[in-house]
Amino acid sequence: MEKRKAVLAEASVVDEMYSLLSAYEVKIPTDDQIKLDDLHDAVLKYGDSIEAADSFIEENKSSIMVELDRQVTSINEELINILGLLHSGKYLIPESDPEEIVPDLLSINERITEIRTRLESFARYQRLFQVKPICLLYV
């Protein structure tokens, strides 16, 4: 929201400067007038785009949040399975062969890194849809 306001404020400052020139009957060069008209068009298109994005968010927010919740639940279950795996079997036996365990642990670490990346994406999606992120990255 702050970025939107900043962009519109910058355009407004330029518009006010040209209004001041017009008020003092200073002739605005044709090239500048064309650029000013282009700026007005860009501001209108920007506003329309923001409005369309807001509408999209409102229309799709609930279905997308349901899907995100489903995926987060799936990831939580996978993490619980990984935790259970690490708290059982050969991982708890001091005499276990490190040559067997280390590749497994590297594979598990790689999967956890992939999960972290997905959760970061989910948190960005939640911020995009203007909801408090439920994907807290403890991984």
C-alpha atoms as a PDB file:
ATOM      1  CA  MET A   1       0.000   0.000   0.000  1.00  0.00           C
ATOM      2  CA  GLU A   2       2.862   2.371   0.795  1.00  0.00           C
ATOM      3  CA  LYS A   3       4.465   1.733  -2.596  1.00  0.00           C
ATOM      4  CA  ARG A   4       1.190   2.554  -4.319  1.00  0.00           C
ATOM      5  CA  LYS A   5       0.938   5.834  -2.463  1.00  0.00           C
ATOM      6  CA  ALA A   6       4.567   6.683  -3.203  1.00  0.00           C
ATOM      7  CA  VAL A   7       4.169   6.080  -6.943  1.00  0.00           C
ATOM      8  CA  LEU A   8       1.013   8.160  -7.110  1.00  0.00           C
ATOM      9  CA  ALA A   9       2.583  10.907  -4.974  1.00  0.00           C
ATOM     10  CA  GLU A  10       5.552  11.169  -7.348  1.00  0.00           C
ATOM     11  CA  ALA A  11       3.227  11.510 -10.325  1.00  0.00           C
ATOM     12  CA  SER A  12       1.198  14.073  -8.405  1.00  0.00           C
ATOM     13  CA  VAL A  13       4.290  16.201  -7.725  1.00  0.00           C
ATOM     14  CA  VAL A  14       5.124  16.300 -11.433  1.00  0.00           C
ATOM     15  CA  ASP A  15       1.521  17.165 -12.255  1.00  0.00           C
ATOM     16  CA  GLU A  16       1.531  19.983  -9.681  1.00  0.00           C
ATOM     17  CA  MET A  17       4.738  21.427 -11.123  1.00  0.00           C
ATOM     18  CA  TYR A  18       3.188  21.593 -14.578  1.00  0.00           C
ATOM     19  CA  SER A  19       0.009  23.081 -13.114  1.00  0.00           C
ATOM     20  CA  LEU A  20       2.130  25.777 -11.504  1.00  0.00           C
ATOM     21  CA  LEU A  21       3.757  26.536 -14.852  1.00  0.00           C
ATOM     22  CA  SER A  22       0.309  26.807 -16.443  1.00  0.00           C
ATOM     23  CA  ALA A  23      -0.916  29.064 -13.621  1.00  0.00           C
ATOM     24  CA  TYR A  24       1.945  31.467 -14.364  1.00  0.00           C
ATOM     25  CA  GLU A  25       1.210  31.166 -18.081  1.00  0.00           C
ATOM     26  CA  VAL A  26       4.575  29.629 -18.869  1.00  0.00           C
ATOM     27  CA  LYS A  27       4.523  27.821 -22.181  1.00  0.00           C
ATOM     28  CA  ILE A  28       5.202  24.132 -21.760  1.00  0.00           C
ATOM     29  CA  PRO A  29       7.333  22.666 -24.563  1.00  0.00           C
ATOM     30  CA  THR A  30       5.496  20.214 -26.786  1.00  0.00           C
ATOM     31  CA  ASP A  31       7.805  17.333 -25.857  1.00  0.00           C
ATOM     32  CA  ASP A  32       7.138  17.963 -22.169  1.00  0.00           C
ATOM     33  CA  GLN A  33       3.385  18.183 -22.766  1.00  0.00           C
ATOM     34  CA  ILE A  34       3.496  14.817 -24.550  1.00  0.00           C
ATOM     35  CA  LYS A  35       5.445  13.316 -21.645  1.00  0.00           C
ATOM     36  CA  LEU A  36       2.942  14.786 -19.196  1.00  0.00           C
ATOM     37  CA  ASP A  37       0.066  13.253 -21.148  1.00  0.00           C
ATOM     38  CA  ASP A  38       1.946   9.924 -21.163  1.00  0.00           C
ATOM     39  CA  LEU A  39       2.365  10.246 -17.395  1.00  0.00           C
ATOM     40  CA  HIS A  40      -1.393  10.797 -16.985  1.00  0.00           C
ATOM     41  CA  ASP A  41      -2.073   7.711 -19.122  1.00  0.00           C
ATOM     42  CA  ALA A  42       0.427   5.670 -17.108  1.00  0.00           C
ATOM     43  CA  VAL A  43      -1.151   6.761 -13.819  1.00  0.00           C
ATOM     44  CA  LEU A  44      -4.600   5.779 -15.113  1.00  0.00           C
ATOM     45  CA  LYS A  45      -3.325   2.388 -16.293  1.00  0.00           C
ATOM     46  CA  TYR A  46      -1.518   1.892 -12.975  1.00  0.00           C
ATOM     47  CA  GLY A  47      -4.717   2.653 -11.081  1.00  0.00           C
ATOM     48  CA  ASP A  48      -6.683   0.272 -13.294  1.00  0.00           C
ATOM     49  CA  SER A  49      -4.066  -2.442 -12.774  1.00  0.00           C
ATOM     50  CA  ILE A  50      -4.144  -1.970  -9.013  1.00  0.00           C
ATOM     51  CA  GLU A  51      -7.920  -2.113  -9.060  1.00  0.00           C
ATOM     52  CA  ALA A  52      -7.856  -5.296 -11.166  1.00  0.00           C
ATOM     53  CA  ALA A  53      -5.306  -6.862  -8.804  1.00  0.00           C
ATOM     54  CA  ASP A  54      -7.435  -5.970  -5.782  1.00  0.00           C
ATOM     55  CA  SER A  55     -10.478  -7.513  -7.459  1.00  0.00           C
ATOM     56  CA  PHE A  56      -8.515 -10.653  -8.308  1.00  0.00           C
ATOM     57  CA  ILE A  57      -7.348 -10.937  -4.716  1.00  0.00           C
ATOM     58  CA  GLU A  58     -10.861 -10.596  -3.347  1.00  0.00           C
ATOM     59  CA  GLU A  59     -12.348 -13.044  -5.857  1.00  0.00           C
ATOM     60  CA  ASN A  60      -9.703 -15.738  -5.376  1.00  0.00           C
ATOM     61  CA  LYS A  61      -8.554 -15.209  -1.819  1.00  0.00           C
ATOM     62  CA  SER A  62     -10.636 -17.908  -0.165  1.00  0.00           C
ATOM     63  CA  SER A  63      -9.921 -20.688  -2.677  1.00  0.00           C
ATOM     64  CA  ILE A  64      -6.212 -19.906  -2.764  1.00  0.00           C
ATOM     65  CA  MET A  65      -6.014 -19.768   1.024  1.00  0.00           C
ATOM     66  CA  VAL A  66      -7.741 -23.162   1.258  1.00  0.00           C
ATOM     67  CA  GLU A  67      -5.157 -24.593  -1.154  1.00  0.00           C
ATOM     68  CA  LEU A  68      -2.281 -22.982   0.748  1.00  0.00           C
ATOM     69  CA  ASP A  69      -3.625 -24.381   4.027  1.00  0.00           C
ATOM     70  CA  ARG A  70      -3.848 -27.832   2.434  1.00  0.00           C
ATOM     71  CA  GLN A  71      -0.264 -27.635   1.215  1.00  0.00           C
ATOM     72  CA  VAL A  72       1.000 -26.345   4.563  1.00  0.00           C
ATOM     73  CA  THR A  73      -0.759 -29.243   6.302  1.00  0.00           C
ATOM     74  CA  SER A  74       0.872 -31.660   3.870  1.00  0.00           C
ATOM     75  CA  ILE A  75       4.289 -30.150   4.571  1.00  0.00           C
ATOM     76  CA  ASN A  76       3.693 -30.327   8.329  1.00  0.00           C
ATOM     77  CA  GLU A  77       2.867 -34.017   8.007  1.00  0.00           C
ATOM     78  CA  GLU A  78       6.015 -34.608   5.965  1.00  0.00           C
ATOM     79  CA  LEU A  79       8.122 -32.804   8.563  1.00  0.00           C
ATOM     80  CA  ILE A  80       6.568 -34.880  11.344  1.00  0.00           C
ATOM     81  CA  ASN A  81       7.440 -38.027   9.373  1.00  0.00           C
ATOM     82  CA  ILE A  82      11.019 -36.811   8.939  1.00  0.00           C
ATOM     83  CA  LEU A  83      11.247 -36.064  12.653  1.00  0.00           C
ATOM     84  CA  GLY A  84       9.895 -39.522  13.460  1.00  0.00           C
ATOM     85  CA  LEU A  85      12.419 -41.098  11.118  1.00  0.00           C
ATOM     86  CA  LEU A  86      15.300 -39.224  12.734  1.00  0.00           C
ATOM     87  CA  HIS A  87      14.171 -40.299  16.200  1.00  0.00           C
ATOM     88  CA  SER A  88      14.154 -43.974  15.367  1.00  0.00           C
ATOM     89  CA  GLY A  89      16.204 -46.864  14.065  1.00  0.00           C
ATOM     90  CA  LYS A  90      19.751 -46.511  12.900  1.00  0.00           C
ATOM     91  CA  TYR A  91      19.874 -42.806  13.699  1.00  0.00           C
ATOM     92  CA  LEU A  92      19.723 -43.533  17.437  1.00  0.00           C
ATOM     93  CA  ILE A  93      22.157 -46.430  17.503  1.00  0.00           C
ATOM     94  CA  PRO A  94      25.704 -45.191  18.215  1.00  0.00           C
ATOM     95  CA  GLU A  95      27.208 -48.220  16.452  1.00  0.00           C
ATOM     96  CA  SER A  96      25.442 -47.438  13.150  1.00  0.00           C
ATOM     97  CA  ASP A  97      27.649 -47.195  10.083  1.00  0.00           C
ATOM     98  CA  PRO A  98      28.351 -43.498   9.303  1.00  0.00           C
ATOM     99  CA  GLU A  99      28.847 -44.329   5.613  1.00  0.00           C
ATOM    100  CA  GLU A 100      25.232 -45.449   5.546  1.00  0.00           C
ATOM    101  CA  ILE A 101      23.802 -42.664   7.706  1.00  0.00           C
ATOM    102  CA  VAL A 102      25.580 -39.603   6.277  1.00  0.00           C
ATOM    103  CA  PRO A 103      24.121 -39.931   2.741  1.00  0.00           C
ATOM    104  CA  ASP A 104      20.660 -40.386   4.291  1.00  0.00           C
ATOM    105  CA  LEU A 105      21.125 -37.288   6.433  1.00  0.00           C
ATOM    106  CA  LEU A 106      22.331 -35.295   3.430  1.00  0.00           C
ATOM    107  CA  SER A 107      19.250 -36.385   1.515  1.00  0.00           C
ATOM    108  CA  ILE A 108      16.994 -35.405   4.424  1.00  0.00           C
ATOM    109  CA  ASN A 109      18.766 -32.053   4.708  1.00  0.00           C
ATOM    110  CA  GLU A 110      18.229 -31.441   0.987  1.00  0.00           C
ATOM    111  CA  ARG A 111      14.518 -32.201   1.355  1.00  0.00           C
ATOM    112  CA  ILE A 112      14.234 -29.861   4.333  1.00  0.00           C
ATOM    113  CA  THR A 113      15.886 -27.124   2.265  1.00  0.00           C
ATOM    114  CA  GLU A 114      13.279 -27.693  -0.475  1.00  0.00           C
ATOM    115  CA  ILE A 115      10.517 -27.486   2.128  1.00  0.00           C
ATOM    116  CA  ARG A 116      11.943 -24.231   3.482  1.00  0.00           C
ATOM    117  CA  THR A 117      11.911 -22.752  -0.035  1.00  0.00           C
ATOM    118  CA  ARG A 118       8.272 -23.790  -0.506  1.00  0.00           C
ATOM    119  CA  LEU A 119       7.289 -22.315   2.854  1.00  0.00           C
ATOM    120  CA  GLU A 120       8.997 -19.027   1.971  1.00  0.00           C
ATOM    121  CA  SER A 121       6.934 -18.947  -1.234  1.00  0.00           C
ATOM    122  CA  PHE A 122       3.767 -19.697   0.722  1.00  0.00           C
ATOM    123  CA  ALA A 123       4.525 -16.847   3.136  1.00  0.00           C
ATOM    124  CA  ARG A 124       4.979 -14.473   0.173  1.00  0.00           C
ATOM    125  CA  TYR A 125       1.659 -15.645  -1.285  1.00  0.00           C
ATOM    126  CA  GLN A 126      -0.054 -15.004   2.017  1.00  0.00           C
ATOM    127  CA  ARG A 127       1.383 -11.488   2.205  1.00  0.00           C
ATOM    128  CA  LEU A 128       0.307 -10.929  -1.402  1.00  0.00           C
ATOM    129  CA  PHE A 129      -3.221 -11.925  -0.458  1.00  0.00           C
ATOM    130  CA  GLN A 130      -3.031  -9.602   2.535  1.00  0.00           C
ATOM    131  CA  VAL A 131      -3.297 -12.227   5.231  1.00  0.00           C
ATOM    132  CA  LYS A 132      -0.994 -12.837   8.131  1.00  0.00           C
ATOM    133  CA  PRO A 133       1.470 -15.559   7.117  1.00  0.00           C
ATOM    134  CA  ILE A 134       0.796 -18.845   8.884  1.00  0.00           C
ATOM    135  CA  CYS A 135       3.907 -20.402   7.393  1.00  0.00           C
ATOM    136  CA  LEU A 136       6.387 -19.764  10.148  1.00  0.00           C
ATOM    137  CA  LEU A 137       9.823 -20.904   9.132  1.00  0.00           C
ATOM    138  CA  TYR A 138      11.185 -23.042  11.926  1.00  0.00           C
ATOM    139  CA  VAL A 139      12.734 -25.478   9.500  1.00  0.00           C
END
